[in-house]
PDB file of N, CA and C in Angstrom:
ATOM      1  N   UNK A   1     -21.965 -21.971 -27.460  1.00  0.00           N
ATOM      2  CA  UNK A   1     -20.603 -22.456 -26.342  1.00  0.00           C
ATOM      3  C   UNK A   1     -19.414 -21.387 -27.406  1.00  0.00           C
ATOM      4  N   UNK A   2     -19.970 -20.670 -28.435  1.00  0.00           N
ATOM      5  CA  UNK A   2     -19.383 -19.946 -29.539  1.00  0.00           C
ATOM      6  C   UNK A   2     -19.010 -18.726 -28.841  1.00  0.00           C
ATOM      7  N   UNK A   3     -20.419 -17.952 -28.235  1.00  0.00           N
ATOM      8  CA  UNK A   3     -21.078 -17.025 -27.933  1.00  0.00           C
ATOM      9  C   UNK A   3     -19.902 -16.675 -26.483  1.00  0.00           C
ATOM     10  N   UNK A   4     -20.472 -17.964 -25.900  1.00  0.00           N
ATOM     11  CA  UNK A   4     -19.318 -17.889 -24.367  1.00  0.00           C
ATOM     12  C   UNK A   4     -18.339 -17.513 -24.293  1.00  0.00           C
ATOM     13  N   UNK A   5     -17.401 -18.307 -25.749  1.00  0.00           N
ATOM     14  CA  UNK A   5     -16.227 -17.707 -26.256  1.00  0.00           C
ATOM     15  C   UNK A   5     -15.601 -16.839 -26.588  1.00  0.00           C
ATOM     16  N   UNK A   6     -16.593 -16.462 -27.549  1.00  0.00           N
ATOM     17  CA  UNK A   6     -16.112 -14.555 -28.004  1.00  0.00           C
ATOM     18  C   UNK A   6     -16.594 -13.903 -26.865  1.00  0.00           C
ATOM     19  N   UNK A   7     -17.426 -13.728 -25.740  1.00  0.00           N
ATOM     20  CA  UNK A   7     -16.813 -12.921 -24.630  1.00  0.00           C
ATOM     21  C   UNK A   7     -15.897 -13.020 -23.830  1.00  0.00           C
ATOM     22  N   UNK A   8     -15.601 -14.597 -23.673  1.00  0.00           N
ATOM     23  CA  UNK A   8     -14.177 -14.552 -22.578  1.00  0.00           C
ATOM     24  C   UNK A   8     -12.949 -13.477 -23.605  1.00  0.00           C
ATOM     25  N   UNK A   9     -13.471 -13.928 -25.056  1.00  0.00           N
ATOM     26  CA  UNK A   9     -12.081 -13.080 -25.926  1.00  0.00           C
ATOM     27  C   UNK A   9     -11.831 -11.495 -25.650  1.00  0.00           C
ATOM     28  N   UNK A  10     -12.963 -10.651 -25.726  1.00  0.00           N
ATOM     29  CA  UNK A  10     -13.805  -9.697 -26.009  1.00  0.00           C
ATOM     30  C   UNK A  10     -13.184  -8.825 -23.899  1.00  0.00           C
ATOM     31  N   UNK A  11     -13.339 -10.202 -23.356  1.00  0.00           N
ATOM     32  CA  UNK A  11     -13.042  -9.419 -21.516  1.00  0.00           C
ATOM     33  C   UNK A  11     -11.987  -9.101 -21.642  1.00  0.00           C
ATOM     34  N   UNK A  12     -10.611 -10.329 -22.414  1.00  0.00           N
ATOM     35  CA  UNK A  12      -9.546 -10.422 -21.930  1.00  0.00           C
ATOM     36  C   UNK A  12      -9.013  -9.417 -22.935  1.00  0.00           C
ATOM     37  N   UNK A  13     -10.160  -8.619 -24.149  1.00  0.00           N
ATOM     38  CA  UNK A  13      -9.084  -7.559 -24.968  1.00  0.00           C
ATOM     39  C   UNK A  13      -9.224  -6.186 -24.379  1.00  0.00           C
ATOM     40  N   UNK A  14     -10.544  -6.289 -23.715  1.00  0.00           N
ATOM     41  CA  UNK A  14     -10.666  -4.980 -22.956  1.00  0.00           C
ATOM     42  C   UNK A  14      -9.394  -4.552 -21.136  1.00  0.00           C
ATOM     43  N   UNK A  15      -9.308  -6.229 -20.821  1.00  0.00           N
ATOM     44  CA  UNK A  15      -8.398  -6.170 -19.454  1.00  0.00           C
ATOM     45  C   UNK A  15      -7.035  -5.484 -19.999  1.00  0.00           C
ATOM     46  N   UNK A  16      -6.865  -6.134 -21.519  1.00  0.00           N
ATOM     47  CA  UNK A  16      -5.163  -5.782 -21.808  1.00  0.00           C
ATOM     48  C   UNK A  16      -5.237  -4.277 -22.069  1.00  0.00           C
ATOM     49  N   UNK A  17      -6.052  -3.990 -23.169  1.00  0.00           N
ATOM     50  CA  UNK A  17      -6.845  -2.510 -22.954  1.00  0.00           C
ATOM     51  C   UNK A  17      -6.349  -1.411 -21.976  1.00  0.00           C
ATOM     52  N   UNK A  18      -7.204  -1.453 -20.941  1.00  0.00           N
ATOM     53  CA  UNK A  18      -7.328  -0.914 -19.765  1.00  0.00           C
ATOM     54  C   UNK A  18      -6.227  -0.673 -19.124  1.00  0.00           C
ATOM     55  N   UNK A  19      -5.655  -2.334 -18.382  1.00  0.00           N
ATOM     56  CA  UNK A  19      -4.420  -2.118 -17.995  1.00  0.00           C
ATOM     57  C   UNK A  19      -3.198  -2.063 -18.620  1.00  0.00           C
ATOM     58  N   UNK A  20      -2.886  -1.493 -20.277  1.00  0.00           N
ATOM     59  CA  UNK A  20      -2.021  -0.471 -20.723  1.00  0.00           C
ATOM     60  C   UNK A  20      -2.407   1.098 -20.589  1.00  0.00           C
ATOM     61  N   UNK A  21      -3.485   1.182 -20.852  1.00  0.00           N
ATOM     62  CA  UNK A  21      -3.840   2.323 -20.685  1.00  0.00           C
ATOM     63  C   UNK A  21      -3.354   2.756 -19.262  1.00  0.00           C
ATOM     64  N   UNK A  22      -3.888   2.393 -18.544  1.00  0.00           N
ATOM     65  CA  UNK A  22      -3.926   3.225 -16.706  1.00  0.00           C
ATOM     66  C   UNK A  22      -1.712   2.643 -16.429  1.00  0.00           C
ATOM     67  N   UNK A  23      -1.104   1.965 -17.523  1.00  0.00           N
ATOM     68  CA  UNK A  23       0.102   1.656 -16.511  1.00  0.00           C
ATOM     69  C   UNK A  23       0.630   3.028 -17.311  1.00  0.00           C
ATOM     70  N   UNK A  24       0.596   3.656 -18.514  1.00  0.00           N
ATOM     71  CA  UNK A  24       1.210   4.411 -19.443  1.00  0.00           C
ATOM     72  C   UNK A  24       0.674   5.766 -19.375  1.00  0.00           C
ATOM     73  N   UNK A  25      -0.065   6.177 -17.618  1.00  0.00           N
ATOM     74  CA  UNK A  25      -0.704   7.420 -17.558  1.00  0.00           C
ATOM     75  C   UNK A  25       0.039   8.045 -16.690  1.00  0.00           C
ATOM     76  N   UNK A  26       1.023   9.331 -16.929  1.00  0.00           N
ATOM     77  CA  UNK A  26       2.398  10.221 -16.313  1.00  0.00           C
ATOM     78  C   UNK A  26       1.268  10.806 -14.977  1.00  0.00           C
ATOM     79  N   UNK A  27       2.733  10.192 -14.029  1.00  0.00           N
ATOM     80  CA  UNK A  27       2.759  10.288 -12.768  1.00  0.00           C
ATOM     81  C   UNK A  27       3.986  11.099 -12.284  1.00  0.00           C
ATOM     82  N   UNK A  28       4.071  11.114 -11.219  1.00  0.00           N
ATOM     83  CA  UNK A  28       5.707  12.344 -10.811  1.00  0.00           C
ATOM     84  C   UNK A  28       6.148  11.394 -10.133  1.00  0.00           C
ATOM     85  N   UNK A  29       7.381  11.755 -10.277  1.00  0.00           N
ATOM     86  CA  UNK A  29       8.331  11.331  -8.736  1.00  0.00           C
ATOM     87  C   UNK A  29       9.370  12.838  -8.849  1.00  0.00           C
ATOM     88  N   UNK A  30       9.482  12.595  -7.399  1.00  0.00           N
ATOM     89  CA  UNK A  30      10.309  13.302  -6.698  1.00  0.00           C
ATOM     90  C   UNK A  30      12.330  12.548  -6.846  1.00  0.00           C
ATOM     91  N   UNK A  31      12.954  13.673  -7.542  1.00  0.00           N
ATOM     92  CA  UNK A  31      14.581  13.113  -7.500  1.00  0.00           C
ATOM     93  C   UNK A  31      15.519  14.224  -6.786  1.00  0.00           C
ATOM     94  N   UNK A  32      16.165  13.840  -5.367  1.00  0.00           N
ATOM     95  CA  UNK A  32      16.856  14.824  -4.837  1.00  0.00           C
ATOM     96  C   UNK A  32      18.254  14.355  -5.346  1.00  0.00           C
ATOM     97  N   UNK A  33      19.566  15.392  -5.626  1.00  0.00           N
ATOM     98  CA  UNK A  33      20.776  15.013  -5.942  1.00  0.00           C
ATOM     99  C   UNK A  33      20.919  16.792  -5.411  1.00  0.00           C
ATOM    100  N   UNK A  34      22.172  16.443  -4.107  1.00  0.00           N
ATOM    101  CA  UNK A  34      23.334  17.387  -3.630  1.00  0.00           C
ATOM    102  C   UNK A  34      22.042  18.498  -3.304  1.00  0.00           C
ATOM    103  N   UNK A  35      21.132  17.788  -2.810  1.00  0.00           N
ATOM    104  CA  UNK A  35      19.959  19.348  -1.763  1.00  0.00           C
ATOM    105  C   UNK A  35      19.204  20.040  -2.406  1.00  0.00           C
ATOM    106  N   UNK A  36      18.996  19.285  -4.492  1.00  0.00           N
ATOM    107  CA  UNK A  36      18.222  20.137  -5.658  1.00  0.00           C
ATOM    108  C   UNK A  36      17.214  19.192  -5.442  1.00  0.00           C
ATOM    109  N   UNK A  37      16.244  19.378  -5.600  1.00  0.00           N
ATOM    110  CA  UNK A  37      14.814  18.494  -5.606  1.00  0.00           C
ATOM    111  C   UNK A  37      14.287  19.010  -6.933  1.00  0.00           C
ATOM    112  N   UNK A  38      14.071  17.850  -7.702  1.00  0.00           N
ATOM    113  CA  UNK A  38      13.123  18.113  -9.155  1.00  0.00           C
ATOM    114  C   UNK A  38      12.336  16.814  -9.400  1.00  0.00           C
ATOM    115  N   UNK A  39      10.930  17.313  -9.925  1.00  0.00           N
ATOM    116  CA  UNK A  39       9.844  16.523  -9.801  1.00  0.00           C
ATOM    117  C   UNK A  39      10.076  15.968 -11.182  1.00  0.00           C
ATOM    118  N   UNK A  40      10.115  14.509 -11.713  1.00  0.00           N
ATOM    119  CA  UNK A  40       9.986  14.299 -13.104  1.00  0.00           C
ATOM    120  C   UNK A  40       8.565  13.760 -13.276  1.00  0.00           C
ATOM    121  N   UNK A  41       8.043  13.619 -14.334  1.00  0.00           N
ATOM    122  CA  UNK A  41       7.036  13.119 -15.126  1.00  0.00           C
ATOM    123  C   UNK A  41       7.659  11.371 -15.597  1.00  0.00           C
ATOM    124  N   UNK A  42       7.056  10.139 -15.140  1.00  0.00           N
ATOM    125  CA  UNK A  42       7.463   9.818 -15.739  1.00  0.00           C
ATOM    126  C   UNK A  42       5.589   7.956 -16.061  1.00  0.00           C
ATOM    127  N   UNK A  43       5.764   7.135 -16.941  1.00  0.00           N
ATOM    128  CA  UNK A  43       4.682   6.345 -16.489  1.00  0.00           C
ATOM    129  C   UNK A  43       4.633   5.700 -15.532  1.00  0.00           C
ATOM    130  N   UNK A  44       3.239   5.396 -15.554  1.00  0.00           N
ATOM    131  CA  UNK A  44       2.761   4.691 -14.392  1.00  0.00           C
ATOM    132  C   UNK A  44       3.905   3.353 -14.320  1.00  0.00           C
ATOM    133  N   UNK A  45       4.184   2.492 -14.966  1.00  0.00           N
ATOM    134  CA  UNK A  45       4.598   1.568 -14.779  1.00  0.00           C
ATOM    135  C   UNK A  45       6.168   1.370 -14.789  1.00  0.00           C
ATOM    136  N   UNK A  46       6.752   2.670 -15.156  1.00  0.00           N
ATOM    137  CA  UNK A  46       8.007   3.139 -15.416  1.00  0.00           C
ATOM    138  C   UNK A  46       8.727   2.973 -13.106  1.00  0.00           C
ATOM    139  N   UNK A  47       7.637   3.469 -12.698  1.00  0.00           N
ATOM    140  CA  UNK A  47       7.948   4.593 -11.007  1.00  0.00           C
ATOM    141  C   UNK A  47       7.456   2.966 -10.448  1.00  0.00           C
ATOM    142  N   UNK A  48       6.486   2.027 -10.587  1.00  0.00           N
ATOM    143  CA  UNK A  48       6.169   0.545 -10.327  1.00  0.00           C
ATOM    144  C   UNK A  48       7.271  -0.335 -10.331  1.00  0.00           C
ATOM    145  N   UNK A  49       7.808  -0.258 -11.417  1.00  0.00           N
ATOM    146  CA  UNK A  49       9.521  -1.002 -11.845  1.00  0.00           C
ATOM    147  C   UNK A  49      10.592  -0.009 -10.929  1.00  0.00           C
ATOM    148  N   UNK A  50      11.348   0.898 -10.963  1.00  0.00           N
ATOM    149  CA  UNK A  50      11.639   1.140  -9.923  1.00  0.00           C
ATOM    150  C   UNK A  50      11.674   1.349  -8.477  1.00  0.00           C
ATOM    151  N   UNK A  51      10.195   0.847  -8.403  1.00  0.00           N
ATOM    152  CA  UNK A  51       9.943   1.000  -6.488  1.00  0.00           C
ATOM    153  C   UNK A  51      10.611  -0.568  -6.410  1.00  0.00           C
ATOM    154  N   UNK A  52      10.684  -1.182  -7.217  1.00  0.00           N
ATOM    155  CA  UNK A  52      10.807  -2.738  -6.938  1.00  0.00           C
ATOM    156  C   UNK A  52      12.201  -3.003  -7.405  1.00  0.00           C
ATOM    157  N   UNK A  53      12.711  -2.610  -8.085  1.00  0.00           N
ATOM    158  CA  UNK A  53      14.257  -2.518  -8.327  1.00  0.00           C
ATOM    159  C   UNK A  53      14.873  -1.799  -7.081  1.00  0.00           C
ATOM    160  N   UNK A  54      14.067  -1.312  -6.287  1.00  0.00           N
ATOM    161  CA  UNK A  54      14.601  -0.362  -4.699  1.00  0.00           C
ATOM    162  C   UNK A  54      14.829  -1.524  -4.378  1.00  0.00           C
ATOM    163  N   UNK A  55      13.417  -1.971  -3.322  1.00  0.00           N
ATOM    164  CA  UNK A  55      13.381  -2.621  -2.867  1.00  0.00           C
ATOM    165  C   UNK A  55      14.252  -3.592  -2.891  1.00  0.00           C
ATOM    166  N   UNK A  56      14.348  -4.673  -3.983  1.00  0.00           N
ATOM    167  CA  UNK A  56      14.927  -6.072  -3.389  1.00  0.00           C
ATOM    168  C   UNK A  56      15.931  -5.660  -3.730  1.00  0.00           C
ATOM    169  N   UNK A  57      16.987  -4.340  -4.375  1.00  0.00           N
ATOM    170  CA  UNK A  57      17.596  -3.960  -4.079  1.00  0.00           C
ATOM    171  C   UNK A  57      18.403  -3.640  -2.223  1.00  0.00           C
ATOM    172  N   UNK A  58      17.561  -3.278  -1.914  1.00  0.00           N
ATOM    173  CA  UNK A  58      17.648  -2.894  -0.090  1.00  0.00           C
ATOM    174  C   UNK A  58      17.468  -4.270  -0.145  1.00  0.00           C
ATOM    175  N   UNK A  59      16.795  -5.172  -0.101  1.00  0.00           N
ATOM    176  CA  UNK A  59      17.133  -6.129   0.695  1.00  0.00           C
ATOM    177  C   UNK A  59      17.995  -6.812   0.704  1.00  0.00           C
ATOM    178  N   UNK A  60      18.522  -7.159  -0.657  1.00  0.00           N
ATOM    179  CA  UNK A  60      19.998  -8.143  -1.549  1.00  0.00           C
ATOM    180  C   UNK A  60      20.653  -7.100  -0.189  1.00  0.00           C
ATOM    181  N   UNK A  61      21.088  -6.221   0.499  1.00  0.00           N
ATOM    182  CA  UNK A  61      22.405  -5.269   0.932  1.00  0.00           C
ATOM    183  C   UNK A  61      21.967  -5.332   2.181  1.00  0.00           C
ATOM    184  N   UNK A  62      20.942  -5.286   2.524  1.00  0.00           N
ATOM    185  CA  UNK A  62      20.980  -5.675   4.276  1.00  0.00           C
ATOM    186  C   UNK A  62      21.360  -7.415   4.368  1.00  0.00           C
ATOM    187  N   UNK A  63      20.557  -8.255   3.617  1.00  0.00           N
ATOM    188  CA  UNK A  63      21.150  -9.537   3.996  1.00  0.00           C
ATOM    189  C   UNK A  63      22.694  -9.835   3.044  1.00  0.00           C
ATOM    190  N   UNK A  64      23.387  -9.389   2.682  1.00  0.00           N
ATOM    191  CA  UNK A  64      24.812  -9.508   1.863  1.00  0.00           C
ATOM    192  C   UNK A  64      25.430  -8.672   3.568  1.00  0.00           C
ATOM    193  N   UNK A  65      24.946  -7.371   4.076  1.00  0.00           N
ATOM    194  CA  UNK A  65      25.690  -6.661   5.217  1.00  0.00           C
ATOM    195  C   UNK A  65      25.392  -7.817   6.763  1.00  0.00           C
ATOM    196  N   UNK A  66      24.034  -8.211   6.845  1.00  0.00           N
ATOM    197  CA  UNK A  66      24.081  -9.069   8.191  1.00  0.00           C
ATOM    198  C   UNK A  66      24.190 -10.479   7.874  1.00  0.00           C
ATOM    199  N   UNK A  67      24.359 -10.599   7.066  1.00  0.00           N
ATOM    200  CA  UNK A  67      25.511 -11.839   7.101  1.00  0.00           C
ATOM    201  C   UNK A  67      24.067 -13.532   7.329  1.00  0.00           C
ATOM    202  N   UNK A  68      25.644 -14.092   9.162  1.00  0.00           N
ATOM    203  CA  UNK A  68      24.348 -14.408   9.599  1.00  0.00           C
ATOM    204  C   UNK A  68      24.603 -14.811  11.178  1.00  0.00           C
ATOM    205  N   UNK A  69      23.380 -13.024  10.947  1.00  0.00           N
ATOM    206  CA  UNK A  69      23.473 -12.985  12.229  1.00  0.00           C
ATOM    207  C   UNK A  69      22.242 -13.496  12.364  1.00  0.00           C
ATOM    208  N   UNK A  70      22.076 -13.525  13.817  1.00  0.00           N
ATOM    209  CA  UNK A  70      21.336 -14.366  14.732  1.00  0.00           C
ATOM    210  C   UNK A  70      19.538 -13.494  15.209  1.00  0.00           C
ATOM    211  N   UNK A  71      20.053 -11.828  16.232  1.00  0.00           N
ATOM    212  CA  UNK A  71      20.111 -11.189  16.840  1.00  0.00           C
ATOM    213  C   UNK A  71      19.236 -10.287  16.466  1.00  0.00           C
ATOM    214  N   UNK A  72      18.979 -10.001  15.857  1.00  0.00           N
ATOM    215  CA  UNK A  72      17.977  -8.364  15.926  1.00  0.00           C
ATOM    216  C   UNK A  72      19.757  -7.015  16.086  1.00  0.00           C
ATOM    217  N   UNK A  73      19.460  -7.572  17.350  1.00  0.00           N
ATOM    218  CA  UNK A  73      20.530  -6.145  17.988  1.00  0.00           C
ATOM    219  C   UNK A  73      21.547  -6.496  16.636  1.00  0.00           C
ATOM    220  N   UNK A  74      22.412  -7.299  16.723  1.00  0.00           N
ATOM    221  CA  UNK A  74      23.648  -7.854  15.794  1.00  0.00           C
ATOM    222  C   UNK A  74      23.526  -7.511  14.778  1.00  0.00           C
ATOM    223  N   UNK A  75      22.345  -7.184  13.860  1.00  0.00           N
ATOM    224  CA  UNK A  75      22.025  -6.721  12.835  1.00  0.00           C
ATOM    225  C   UNK A  75      22.025  -5.558  12.722  1.00  0.00           C
ATOM    226  N   UNK A  76      21.445  -4.834  13.992  1.00  0.00           N
ATOM    227  CA  UNK A  76      21.156  -3.550  13.683  1.00  0.00           C
ATOM    228  C   UNK A  76      22.831  -3.570  13.574  1.00  0.00           C
ATOM    229  N   UNK A  77      23.887  -3.598  14.482  1.00  0.00           N
ATOM    230  CA  UNK A  77      24.711  -2.975  15.011  1.00  0.00           C
ATOM    231  C   UNK A  77      25.469  -3.100  13.174  1.00  0.00           C
ATOM    232  N   UNK A  78      26.029  -4.460  12.802  1.00  0.00           N
ATOM    233  CA  UNK A  78      26.397  -4.333  11.541  1.00  0.00           C
ATOM    234  C   UNK A  78      26.184  -3.286  10.158  1.00  0.00           C
ATOM    235  N   UNK A  79      24.760  -3.080  10.654  1.00  0.00           N
ATOM    236  CA  UNK A  79      24.046  -1.908   9.643  1.00  0.00           C
ATOM    237  C   UNK A  79      24.606  -1.201   9.677  1.00  0.00           C
ATOM    238  N   UNK A  80      24.716  -0.770  10.982  1.00  0.00           N
ATOM    239  CA  UNK A  80      24.884   0.859  11.132  1.00  0.00           C
ATOM    240  C   UNK A  80      26.670   0.531  11.163  1.00  0.00           C
ATOM    241  N   UNK A  81      27.401   0.035  11.889  1.00  0.00           N
ATOM    242  CA  UNK A  81      29.197   0.271  12.006  1.00  0.00           C
ATOM    243  C   UNK A  81      29.375  -0.169  10.244  1.00  0.00           C
ATOM    244  N   UNK A  82      28.541  -0.424   8.960  1.00  0.00           N
ATOM    245  CA  UNK A  82      28.768  -1.067   8.037  1.00  0.00           C
ATOM    246  C   UNK A  82      29.108   0.885   7.627  1.00  0.00           C
TER     247      UNK A  82
END
């Protein structure tokens, strides 16, 4: 029983360590401001957080603009006229 418990603890420690290592790998992202592009090196966890932040901000903004529109056509018109 103790060997099984010890094995689980070792697996959890290696999993957490591996995940931490992978999420701290440097990756590149591009950012454009006024038609000037630059490549930025950031950790993978930050790139993932930026993706989800952007995704949910866009979803919230679209829901706020479209309001109680029933059809897709109404939603498109409200988005483009905003």
